[in-house]
Amino acid sequence: MNETVHELIELGEEVATALSEHRPVVALESTVIAHGMAYPGNVETARAIEQAVRSAGAVPATIGIADGRFVVGMDDKRIEQFATTQGVPKVSSRDIGPVLAGGGLGATTVASSLVAADLAGIPVFSTAGIGGVHRGAQTTFDISADLVQFTRSRVAVVCAGAKSILDLGLTLEYLETLGVPVMGYRCDDFPAFYCRSSGFRNPQRIDDLDAIARALRAHWAAGLPGGALVTHPIAEADALDAQAMEEVIERALADADAEGVTGPAITPYLMKAVSRATEGRSAAANRAVLISTAAVAGELAVAYTRQAGVGGGGDR
């Protein structure tokens, strides 16, 4: 890994070759490896996500931080390192400078992965569910950095909406305020991570990835900042029941309030409560949606690259 496009970017050999040849690449985060699930399931899932991207015709670029740089295109050895090393910090956009300067490992979240993807010139990123506006944000002001980063990085985010534990109505309102396009790929409703629908409509539904790719190019050609959100729900066979999930979340929120759980601790508290209540089915749903969104992201990256032609497009 010695190819560079920026002093803070270390490209994996396969990713470097793909970018130099103007072939489609999909950026992926590493938090799912270091914090998402136990070993060796985290490694197996990371490889399944990458395989989904490959099967769609694109090259996966899993991103992490090591030795003072973003590693864009982690190889098997590096993925194993992230999967087995204890205490790898979770790095959001605000943490990038200190972690890079410290020279250690860092697992990238959605927000920090977008920073690296933009620096590397990768226009498509995949994740299961984005962060958003937390329930009770009217008093706590707890809003994920993901939403603000969407306005700063010229990268399209393919996801299954936002996590069910969030206030999804306010998340969509905030995305509108920020001017972030939200396009539902073959879905009318904004998805809710494990659940196929949040009960809120996507601002736009587009059933063709070529049309979405054209919309992305038009957005950037108009000089608009940041990226866009492309939502696609979990498969029906893998989804959890939305009403049952809402009941679990409401009980967990009441328990968290009684126990004084606040701030950054609330999300892992709620996710653990969901896992207990679903007897592990949420973990299976999480894996399924990571893979399905990666496949759609790979197809979108292929469509986006196909439209540009070799060296075409003028923007990437």
Protein backbone atom coordinates (compact mmCIF):
# COMPACT_ATOMS: atom_id res chain seq x y z
CA MET A 1 0.00 0.00 0.00
CA ASN A 2 2.08 2.91 -1.21
CA GLU A 3 -0.11 4.68 -3.75
CA THR A 4 -1.34 8.12 -2.68
CA VAL A 5 -3.79 10.71 -4.01
CA HIS A 6 -3.45 12.93 -0.94
CA GLU A 7 -0.86 13.13 1.80
CA LEU A 8 -3.35 11.77 4.35
CA ILE A 9 -4.59 8.94 2.10
CA GLU A 10 -2.97 5.53 1.69
CA LEU A 11 -4.64 3.60 -1.11
CA GLY A 12 -4.77 -0.16 -1.24
CA GLU A 13 -3.27 -1.54 -4.43
CA GLU A 14 -6.58 -2.74 -5.88
CA VAL A 15 -8.33 0.55 -5.12
CA ALA A 16 -5.45 2.60 -6.53
CA THR A 17 -5.57 0.61 -9.77
CA ALA A 18 -9.34 0.92 -10.04
CA LEU A 19 -9.26 4.68 -9.52
CA SER A 20 -6.44 5.17 -12.01
CA GLU A 21 -8.42 3.18 -14.57
CA HIS A 22 -11.66 5.08 -13.81
CA ARG A 23 -13.43 1.92 -12.63
CA PRO A 24 -16.24 1.98 -10.04
CA VAL A 25 -15.28 1.94 -6.35
CA VAL A 26 -17.46 1.88 -3.23
CA ALA A 27 -16.22 3.26 0.08
CA LEU A 28 -17.04 1.31 3.27
CA GLU A 29 -16.63 2.13 6.97
CA SER A 30 -14.65 0.13 9.53
CA THR A 31 -16.70 0.74 12.69
CA VAL A 32 -18.69 -2.38 11.85
CA ILE A 33 -15.42 -4.35 12.08
CA ALA A 34 -14.04 -2.87 15.30
CA HIS A 35 -17.33 -2.22 17.12
CA GLY A 36 -20.17 -3.89 15.25
CA MET A 37 -19.92 -7.53 16.26
CA ALA A 38 -17.69 -10.12 17.89
CA TYR A 39 -14.77 -11.91 16.22
CA PRO A 40 -14.76 -13.79 13.87
CA GLY A 41 -18.24 -12.68 12.80
CA ASN A 42 -16.96 -9.16 12.20
CA VAL A 43 -14.35 -10.41 9.71
CA GLU A 44 -16.82 -12.70 7.96
CA THR A 45 -19.32 -9.84 7.64
CA ALA A 46 -16.69 -7.42 6.35
CA ARG A 47 -15.73 -9.91 3.65
CA ALA A 48 -19.39 -10.54 2.76
CA ILE A 49 -19.95 -6.79 2.37
CA GLU A 50 -16.91 -6.49 0.12
CA GLN A 51 -18.07 -9.49 -1.91
CA ALA A 52 -21.47 -7.86 -2.43
CA VAL A 53 -19.72 -4.82 -3.90
CA ARG A 54 -17.57 -7.03 -6.15
CA SER A 55 -20.57 -9.04 -7.35
CA ALA A 56 -22.16 -5.78 -8.47
CA GLY A 57 -19.09 -4.98 -10.59
CA ALA A 58 -17.31 -2.48 -8.34
CA VAL A 59 -14.21 -2.50 -6.14
CA PRO A 60 -14.67 -2.26 -2.34
CA ALA A 61 -12.62 0.27 -0.39
CA THR A 62 -12.91 -0.39 3.34
CA ILE A 63 -11.57 2.61 5.23
CA GLY A 64 -9.71 2.83 8.52
CA ILE A 65 -7.04 4.98 10.16
CA ALA A 66 -3.52 3.68 10.82
CA ASP A 67 -0.07 5.24 11.17
CA GLY A 68 -1.32 8.79 10.75
CA ARG A 69 -3.25 8.26 7.52
CA PHE A 70 -6.58 7.05 6.18
CA VAL A 71 -6.15 3.57 4.75
CA VAL A 72 -8.58 3.41 1.82
CA GLY A 73 -8.82 -0.21 0.75
CA MET A 74 -7.84 -2.28 3.79
CA ASP A 75 -6.36 -5.68 2.93
CA ASP A 76 -7.18 -8.92 4.77
CA LYS A 77 -4.32 -8.46 7.23
CA ARG A 78 -5.47 -4.98 8.17
CA ILE A 79 -9.11 -6.07 8.52
CA GLU A 80 -7.99 -8.88 10.82
CA GLN A 81 -6.01 -6.36 12.87
CA PHE A 82 -9.04 -4.09 13.30
CA ALA A 83 -11.23 -7.08 14.13
CA THR A 84 -8.99 -8.44 16.88
CA THR A 85 -7.41 -5.34 18.46
CA GLN A 86 -9.11 -4.21 21.65
CA GLY A 87 -9.89 -0.55 22.25
CA VAL A 88 -9.73 0.76 18.68
CA PRO A 89 -11.36 4.20 18.98
CA LYS A 90 -14.47 5.03 17.01
CA VAL A 91 -13.60 8.09 14.91
CA SER A 92 -16.21 10.63 13.83
CA SER A 93 -15.39 13.78 11.88
CA ARG A 94 -14.48 15.80 14.99
CA ASP A 95 -11.96 13.14 16.06
CA ILE A 96 -10.03 12.89 12.79
CA GLY A 97 -7.25 15.38 13.57
CA PRO A 98 -6.29 14.02 17.01
CA VAL A 99 -6.42 10.37 15.88
CA LEU A 100 -4.39 10.98 12.73
CA ALA A 101 -1.85 12.98 14.74
CA GLY A 102 -1.67 10.25 17.36
CA GLY A 103 -0.58 7.68 14.80
CA GLY A 104 -2.69 4.81 16.13
CA LEU A 105 -5.63 2.86 14.80
CA GLY A 106 -9.05 4.40 14.29
CA ALA A 107 -12.32 2.85 13.13
CA THR A 108 -14.16 5.21 10.81
CA THR A 109 -17.85 6.02 11.21
CA VAL A 110 -20.12 7.27 8.42
CA ALA A 111 -18.97 10.88 8.88
CA SER A 112 -15.22 10.20 8.93
CA SER A 113 -15.46 7.66 6.10
CA LEU A 114 -17.07 10.36 3.95
CA VAL A 115 -14.13 12.67 4.61
CA ALA A 116 -11.69 9.99 3.44
CA ALA A 117 -13.79 8.96 0.43
CA ASP A 118 -14.01 12.56 -0.73
CA LEU A 119 -10.25 13.05 -0.39
CA ALA A 120 -9.66 9.84 -2.36
CA GLY A 121 -12.13 10.78 -5.10
CA ILE A 122 -14.66 8.00 -4.43
CA PRO A 123 -18.22 9.27 -5.06
CA VAL A 124 -20.22 6.35 -3.59
CA PHE A 125 -20.31 5.11 0.01
CA SER A 126 -22.38 2.33 1.59
CA THR A 127 -23.63 1.83 5.14
CA ALA A 128 -26.55 0.05 6.79
CA GLY A 129 -28.12 3.03 8.57
CA ILE A 130 -27.09 6.63 9.05
CA GLY A 131 -27.12 8.60 12.28
CA GLY A 132 -29.70 11.33 12.68
CA VAL A 133 -31.70 13.46 15.08
CA HIS A 134 -32.12 11.68 18.41
CA ARG A 135 -35.40 11.46 20.22
CA GLY A 136 -35.65 14.36 22.63
CA ALA A 137 -33.21 16.46 20.60
CA GLN A 138 -35.47 19.47 21.20
CA THR A 139 -33.86 19.66 24.65
CA THR A 140 -30.60 17.71 24.26
CA PHE A 141 -29.56 18.99 20.80
CA ASP A 142 -28.27 15.45 20.18
CA ILE A 143 -27.85 15.30 16.40
CA SER A 144 -25.44 12.99 14.61
CA ALA A 145 -22.43 14.50 12.87
CA ASP A 146 -23.38 12.35 9.87
CA LEU A 147 -26.05 14.85 8.84
CA VAL A 148 -23.72 17.84 8.80
CA GLN A 149 -21.00 15.85 7.02
CA PHE A 150 -23.44 15.11 4.19
CA THR A 151 -23.24 18.84 3.39
CA ARG A 152 -19.42 18.83 3.29
CA SER A 153 -18.35 15.70 1.39
CA ARG A 154 -19.23 15.17 -2.27
CA VAL A 155 -20.18 11.54 -1.80
CA ALA A 156 -23.49 9.72 -2.32
CA VAL A 157 -24.51 7.66 0.72
CA VAL A 158 -26.42 4.44 0.02
CA CYS A 159 -28.24 3.24 3.14
CA ALA A 160 -31.37 1.64 4.56
CA GLY A 161 -32.46 4.95 6.05
CA ALA A 162 -31.65 5.79 9.66
CA LYS A 163 -31.67 3.74 12.85
CA SER A 164 -35.11 3.09 14.37
CA ILE A 165 -33.97 4.44 17.74
CA LEU A 166 -33.84 7.95 16.26
CA ASP A 167 -36.55 10.52 15.60
CA LEU A 168 -36.90 9.78 11.90
CA GLY A 169 -39.39 12.54 11.19
CA LEU A 170 -37.04 15.18 12.59
CA THR A 171 -34.11 13.53 10.79
CA LEU A 172 -35.87 14.04 7.45
CA GLU A 173 -36.79 17.62 8.39
CA TYR A 174 -33.17 18.36 9.28
CA LEU A 175 -31.92 16.84 6.02
CA GLU A 176 -34.32 19.14 4.18
CA THR A 177 -33.03 22.15 6.13
CA LEU A 178 -29.46 21.21 5.20
CA GLY A 179 -30.41 20.85 1.52
CA VAL A 180 -29.40 17.19 1.33
CA PRO A 181 -31.23 15.33 -1.49
CA VAL A 182 -32.95 12.14 -0.31
CA MET A 183 -33.84 9.68 -3.08
CA GLY A 184 -35.65 6.42 -2.45
CA TYR A 185 -34.49 3.68 -4.79
CA ARG A 186 -37.61 1.67 -5.60
CA CYS A 187 -39.21 2.62 -2.29
CA ASP A 188 -41.84 5.19 -1.36
CA ASP A 189 -41.10 5.26 2.36
CA PHE A 190 -37.94 6.29 4.17
CA PRO A 191 -36.58 3.02 5.60
CA ALA A 192 -35.76 2.51 9.26
CA PHE A 193 -32.67 0.28 9.27
CA TYR A 194 -34.03 -3.08 10.52
CA CYS A 195 -37.54 -2.10 9.41
CA ARG A 196 -38.72 -1.52 5.85
CA SER A 197 -40.60 1.68 6.63
CA SER A 198 -40.29 4.53 9.11
CA GLY A 199 -43.82 5.68 8.38
CA PHE A 200 -42.44 8.76 6.61
CA ARG A 201 -42.21 9.23 2.86
CA ASN A 202 -39.00 9.65 0.92
CA PRO A 203 -38.95 13.12 -0.64
CA GLN A 204 -38.41 11.47 -4.02
CA ARG A 205 -38.71 7.96 -5.42
CA ILE A 206 -36.51 6.98 -8.37
CA ASP A 207 -36.63 3.44 -9.73
CA ASP A 208 -33.60 3.55 -12.01
CA LEU A 209 -29.98 3.76 -10.83
CA ASP A 210 -28.91 5.46 -14.06
CA ALA A 211 -31.42 8.21 -13.26
CA ILE A 212 -30.03 8.50 -9.72
CA ALA A 213 -26.49 8.72 -11.12
CA ARG A 214 -27.60 11.50 -13.47
CA ALA A 215 -29.23 13.31 -10.54
CA LEU A 216 -25.96 13.12 -8.58
CA ARG A 217 -23.99 14.50 -11.50
CA ALA A 218 -26.51 17.31 -11.98
CA HIS A 219 -26.38 18.15 -8.26
CA TRP A 220 -22.61 18.53 -8.35
CA ALA A 221 -22.53 20.20 -11.77
CA ALA A 222 -24.82 22.90 -10.34
CA GLY A 223 -22.14 23.66 -7.78
CA LEU A 224 -24.21 22.42 -4.85
CA PRO A 225 -22.11 21.31 -1.88
CA GLY A 226 -22.00 17.94 -0.21
CA GLY A 227 -23.60 14.71 -1.27
CA ALA A 228 -26.94 12.94 -1.32
CA LEU A 229 -28.77 10.11 0.37
CA VAL A 230 -29.96 7.08 -1.60
CA THR A 231 -32.22 4.88 0.48
CA HIS A 232 -33.14 1.25 -0.12
CA PRO A 233 -34.92 -0.91 2.49
CA ILE A 234 -33.91 -4.20 4.02
CA ALA A 235 -35.38 -7.23 2.24
CA GLU A 236 -38.82 -8.18 3.55
CA ALA A 237 -37.62 -11.64 4.62
CA ASP A 238 -34.92 -10.10 6.84
CA ALA A 239 -36.91 -7.17 8.25
CA LEU A 240 -38.15 -6.75 11.81
CA ASP A 241 -41.70 -5.67 12.66
CA ALA A 242 -41.85 -1.87 12.96
CA GLN A 243 -44.55 -1.75 15.65
CA ALA A 244 -42.80 -4.32 17.83
CA MET A 245 -39.52 -2.42 17.45
CA GLU A 246 -41.19 0.85 18.47
CA GLU A 247 -42.55 -0.74 21.65
CA VAL A 248 -39.09 -2.09 22.52
CA ILE A 249 -37.47 1.30 21.92
CA GLU A 250 -40.03 3.18 24.01
CA ARG A 251 -39.50 0.79 26.94
CA ALA A 252 -35.72 1.07 26.59
CA LEU A 253 -35.90 4.88 26.51
CA ALA A 254 -37.91 4.86 29.73
CA ASP A 255 -35.38 2.52 31.34
CA ALA A 256 -32.48 4.67 30.17
CA ASP A 257 -34.10 7.77 31.65
CA ALA A 258 -34.67 6.00 34.96
CA GLU A 259 -31.04 4.85 35.05
CA GLY A 260 -29.65 8.27 34.06
CA VAL A 261 -28.19 7.08 30.77
CA THR A 262 -27.55 10.10 28.52
CA GLY A 263 -25.30 11.45 25.76
CA PRO A 264 -23.08 9.08 23.78
CA ALA A 265 -24.07 6.17 26.04
CA ILE A 266 -27.69 6.20 24.94
CA THR A 267 -27.21 4.67 21.46
CA PRO A 268 -25.32 1.52 22.59
CA TYR A 269 -27.78 1.19 25.49
CA LEU A 270 -30.75 1.20 23.11
CA MET A 271 -29.10 -1.10 20.58
CA LYS A 272 -28.35 -3.65 23.31
CA ALA A 273 -31.96 -3.45 24.48
CA VAL A 274 -33.17 -4.11 20.94
CA SER A 275 -30.81 -7.07 20.62
CA ARG A 276 -32.08 -8.60 23.87
CA ALA A 277 -35.71 -8.07 22.97
CA THR A 278 -35.35 -9.59 19.51
CA GLU A 279 -33.27 -12.51 20.85
CA GLY A 280 -30.48 -11.76 18.42
CA ARG A 281 -32.65 -11.34 15.33
CA SER A 282 -31.53 -7.72 15.10
CA ALA A 283 -27.93 -8.90 14.59
CA ALA A 284 -28.99 -11.07 11.65
CA ALA A 285 -30.98 -8.16 10.23
CA ASN A 286 -27.99 -5.87 10.66
CA ARG A 287 -25.76 -8.24 8.68
CA ALA A 288 -28.39 -8.65 5.96
CA VAL A 289 -28.88 -4.93 5.46
CA LEU A 290 -25.14 -4.22 5.40
CA ILE A 291 -24.82 -6.67 2.53
CA SER A 292 -27.91 -5.54 0.62
CA THR A 293 -26.99 -1.85 0.72
CA ALA A 294 -23.44 -2.70 -0.39
CA ALA A 295 -24.86 -4.47 -3.43
CA VAL A 296 -26.99 -1.45 -4.37
CA ALA A 297 -24.02 0.87 -3.82
CA GLY A 298 -21.93 -1.28 -6.15
CA GLU A 299 -24.61 -1.07 -8.83
CA LEU A 300 -24.87 2.71 -8.38
CA ALA A 301 -21.10 3.10 -8.64
CA VAL A 302 -21.16 1.12 -11.89
CA ALA A 303 -23.97 3.31 -13.26
CA TYR A 304 -22.19 6.49 -12.21
CA THR A 305 -18.91 5.42 -13.82
CA ARG A 306 -20.59 4.16 -16.98
CA GLN A 307 -22.10 7.58 -17.59
CA ALA A 308 -18.77 9.32 -17.25
CA GLY A 309 -16.85 7.18 -19.68
CA VAL A 310 -13.08 7.01 -19.34
CA GLY A 311 -11.92 10.34 -18.02
CA GLY A 312 -15.36 11.86 -18.57
CA GLY A 313 -17.70 13.78 -16.31
CA GLY A 314 -15.15 16.36 -15.22
CA ASP A 315 -15.97 15.96 -11.53
CA ARG A 316 -14.41 12.66 -10.45
